[in-house]
Amino acid sequence: MSPLYAFIGLESPIHWIIFGVIGILLFGKRLPEMGRYLGKTIIEFKKGMKGLEDGIEDGAGMPREAPPAAIEPPRPPQRVTMNVPKFEDNPNNVTPPQS
């Protein structure tokens, strides 16, 4: 048996009243907030679908290419001075360990 059979007959007014009472019991004072959130979600979904439809009609299914951004020319490396002692690998500067 398909799960869709469970939803047959849900268009009657008594079912909508039952759903409304359950919604009020579950969400209470937050019900207007939930309604606004659901409305915004539906609007965003419709905008997304409209954008997809426009893209298909304009480009025959091909995505639009954005113009290439202006590329900044590379800058020469900057010399950074540091205030740390410089250690060199010169054998003349090595002091032998004291024994």
C-alpha atoms as a PDB file:
ATOM      1  CA  MET A   1       0.000   0.000   0.000  1.00  0.00           C
ATOM      2  CA  SER A   2       1.436   3.359  -1.042  1.00  0.00           C
ATOM      3  CA  PRO A   3       1.914   6.084   1.592  1.00  0.00           C
ATOM      4  CA  LEU A   4       0.081   8.492  -0.728  1.00  0.00           C
ATOM      5  CA  TYR A   5      -3.199   6.719   0.050  1.00  0.00           C
ATOM      6  CA  ALA A   6      -2.986   8.118   3.583  1.00  0.00           C
ATOM      7  CA  PHE A   7      -3.434  11.662   2.210  1.00  0.00           C
ATOM      8  CA  ILE A   8      -6.574  11.009   0.175  1.00  0.00           C
ATOM      9  CA  GLY A   9      -9.491  13.050   1.500  1.00  0.00           C
ATOM     10  CA  LEU A  10      -7.417  15.671   3.338  1.00  0.00           C
ATOM     11  CA  GLU A  11      -9.049  18.470   1.386  1.00  0.00           C
ATOM     12  CA  SER A  12     -12.190  18.465   3.548  1.00  0.00           C
ATOM     13  CA  PRO A  13     -12.700  21.428   5.918  1.00  0.00           C
ATOM     14  CA  ILE A  14     -12.699  19.278   9.067  1.00  0.00           C
ATOM     15  CA  HIS A  15      -9.166  18.107   8.300  1.00  0.00           C
ATOM     16  CA  TRP A  16      -7.965  21.713   7.904  1.00  0.00           C
ATOM     17  CA  ILE A  17      -9.581  22.603  11.237  1.00  0.00           C
ATOM     18  CA  ILE A  18      -7.805  19.674  12.913  1.00  0.00           C
ATOM     19  CA  PHE A  19      -4.485  20.772  11.377  1.00  0.00           C
ATOM     20  CA  GLY A  20      -5.095  24.337  12.591  1.00  0.00           C
ATOM     21  CA  VAL A  21      -5.817  23.196  16.164  1.00  0.00           C
ATOM     22  CA  ILE A  22      -2.695  21.009  16.169  1.00  0.00           C
ATOM     23  CA  GLY A  23      -0.667  23.956  14.825  1.00  0.00           C
ATOM     24  CA  ILE A  24      -1.955  26.244  17.566  1.00  0.00           C
ATOM     25  CA  LEU A  25      -1.208  23.650  20.234  1.00  0.00           C
ATOM     26  CA  LEU A  26       2.317  23.027  18.962  1.00  0.00           C
ATOM     27  CA  PHE A  27       3.426  26.549  18.056  1.00  0.00           C
ATOM     28  CA  GLY A  28       1.113  28.788  20.121  1.00  0.00           C
ATOM     29  CA  LYS A  29       2.421  32.366  20.133  1.00  0.00           C
ATOM     30  CA  ARG A  30       5.041  31.555  17.505  1.00  0.00           C
ATOM     31  CA  LEU A  31       2.418  30.645  14.891  1.00  0.00           C
ATOM     32  CA  PRO A  32       2.496  34.094  13.137  1.00  0.00           C
ATOM     33  CA  GLU A  33       6.299  33.922  13.089  1.00  0.00           C
ATOM     34  CA  MET A  34       6.169  30.437  11.575  1.00  0.00           C
ATOM     35  CA  GLY A  35       3.660  31.664   8.965  1.00  0.00           C
ATOM     36  CA  ARG A  36       5.945  34.551   7.968  1.00  0.00           C
ATOM     37  CA  TYR A  37       8.913  32.197   7.757  1.00  0.00           C
ATOM     38  CA  LEU A  38       6.936  29.786   5.573  1.00  0.00           C
ATOM     39  CA  GLY A  39       5.785  32.661   3.333  1.00  0.00           C
ATOM     40  CA  LYS A  40       9.343  33.951   2.883  1.00  0.00           C
ATOM     41  CA  THR A  41      10.526  30.435   2.084  1.00  0.00           C
ATOM     42  CA  ILE A  42       7.868  30.028  -0.605  1.00  0.00           C
ATOM     43  CA  ILE A  43       8.728  33.434  -2.127  1.00  0.00           C
ATOM     44  CA  GLU A  44      12.463  32.610  -2.240  1.00  0.00           C
ATOM     45  CA  PHE A  45      11.680  29.243  -3.819  1.00  0.00           C
ATOM     46  CA  LYS A  46       9.558  30.908  -6.499  1.00  0.00           C
ATOM     47  CA  LYS A  47      12.326  33.467  -7.191  1.00  0.00           C
ATOM     48  CA  GLY A  48      14.819  30.643  -7.592  1.00  0.00           C
ATOM     49  CA  MET A  49      12.546  28.768  -9.955  1.00  0.00           C
ATOM     50  CA  LYS A  50      11.949  31.956 -11.985  1.00  0.00           C
ATOM     51  CA  GLY A  51      15.708  32.473 -12.234  1.00  0.00           C
ATOM     52  CA  LEU A  52      16.151  28.927 -13.504  1.00  0.00           C
ATOM     53  CA  GLU A  53      13.373  29.366 -16.056  1.00  0.00           C
ATOM     54  CA  ASP A  54      14.877  32.650 -17.286  1.00  0.00           C
ATOM     55  CA  GLY A  55      18.295  31.035 -17.577  1.00  0.00           C
ATOM     56  CA  ILE A  56      16.914  28.177 -19.618  1.00  0.00           C
ATOM     57  CA  GLU A  57      14.981  30.497 -21.939  1.00  0.00           C
ATOM     58  CA  ASP A  58      17.856  32.958 -22.438  1.00  0.00           C
ATOM     59  CA  GLY A  59      20.742  30.580 -22.876  1.00  0.00           C
ATOM     60  CA  ALA A  60      18.982  27.454 -24.149  1.00  0.00           C
ATOM     61  CA  GLY A  61      20.169  25.609 -21.064  1.00  0.00           C
ATOM     62  CA  MET A  62      23.652  27.084 -21.075  1.00  0.00           C
ATOM     63  CA  PRO A  63      24.762  29.035 -18.001  1.00  0.00           C
ATOM     64  CA  ARG A  64      25.660  32.664 -18.548  1.00  0.00           C
ATOM     65  CA  GLU A  65      29.313  33.527 -18.402  1.00  0.00           C
ATOM     66  CA  ALA A  66      30.260  36.522 -16.325  1.00  0.00           C
ATOM     67  CA  PRO A  67      32.687  38.983 -17.913  1.00  0.00           C
ATOM     68  CA  PRO A  68      36.236  38.320 -16.783  1.00  0.00           C
ATOM     69  CA  ALA A  69      37.258  40.405 -13.815  1.00  0.00           C
ATOM     70  CA  ALA A  70      40.096  42.875 -14.231  1.00  0.00           C
ATOM     71  CA  ILE A  71      43.278  41.186 -13.075  1.00  0.00           C
ATOM     72  CA  GLU A  72      45.578  43.305 -10.957  1.00  0.00           C
ATOM     73  CA  PRO A  73      49.170  43.186 -12.238  1.00  0.00           C
ATOM     74  CA  PRO A  74      51.579  41.445  -9.873  1.00  0.00           C
ATOM     75  CA  ARG A  75      53.526  43.705  -7.551  1.00  0.00           C
ATOM     76  CA  PRO A  76      57.247  43.264  -6.915  1.00  0.00           C
ATOM     77  CA  PRO A  77      58.136  41.548  -3.649  1.00  0.00           C
ATOM     78  CA  GLN A  78      58.404  43.809  -0.633  1.00  0.00           C
ATOM     79  CA  ARG A  79      61.511  43.755   1.522  1.00  0.00           C
ATOM     80  CA  VAL A  80      60.701  43.325   5.183  1.00  0.00           C
ATOM     81  CA  THR A  81      63.239  44.279   7.820  1.00  0.00           C
ATOM     82  CA  MET A  82      63.244  42.231  10.971  1.00  0.00           C
ATOM     83  CA  ASN A  83      64.633  43.074  14.387  1.00  0.00           C
ATOM     84  CA  VAL A  84      66.001  39.624  15.145  1.00  0.00           C
ATOM     85  CA  PRO A  85      69.619  38.519  15.275  1.00  0.00           C
ATOM     86  CA  LYS A  86      70.964  37.040  12.081  1.00  0.00           C
ATOM     87  CA  PHE A  87      72.631  33.649  12.337  1.00  0.00           C
ATOM     88  CA  GLU A  88      75.094  32.654   9.672  1.00  0.00           C
ATOM     89  CA  ASP A  89      76.513  29.251   8.844  1.00  0.00           C
ATOM     90  CA  ASN A  90      80.088  30.497   8.729  1.00  0.00           C
ATOM     91  CA  PRO A  91      82.523  27.969  10.318  1.00  0.00           C
ATOM     92  CA  ASN A  92      84.764  30.825  11.520  1.00  0.00           C
ATOM     93  CA  ASN A  93      82.008  32.170  13.772  1.00  0.00           C
ATOM     94  CA  VAL A  94      81.450  28.876  15.603  1.00  0.00           C
ATOM     95  CA  THR A  95      82.778  28.738  19.135  1.00  0.00           C
ATOM     96  CA  PRO A  96      83.891  25.313  20.336  1.00  0.00           C
ATOM     97  CA  PRO A  97      82.059  23.873  23.325  1.00  0.00           C
ATOM     98  CA  GLN A  98      83.829  24.303  26.639  1.00  0.00           C
ATOM     99  CA  SER A  99      84.805  21.116  28.415  1.00  0.00           C
END
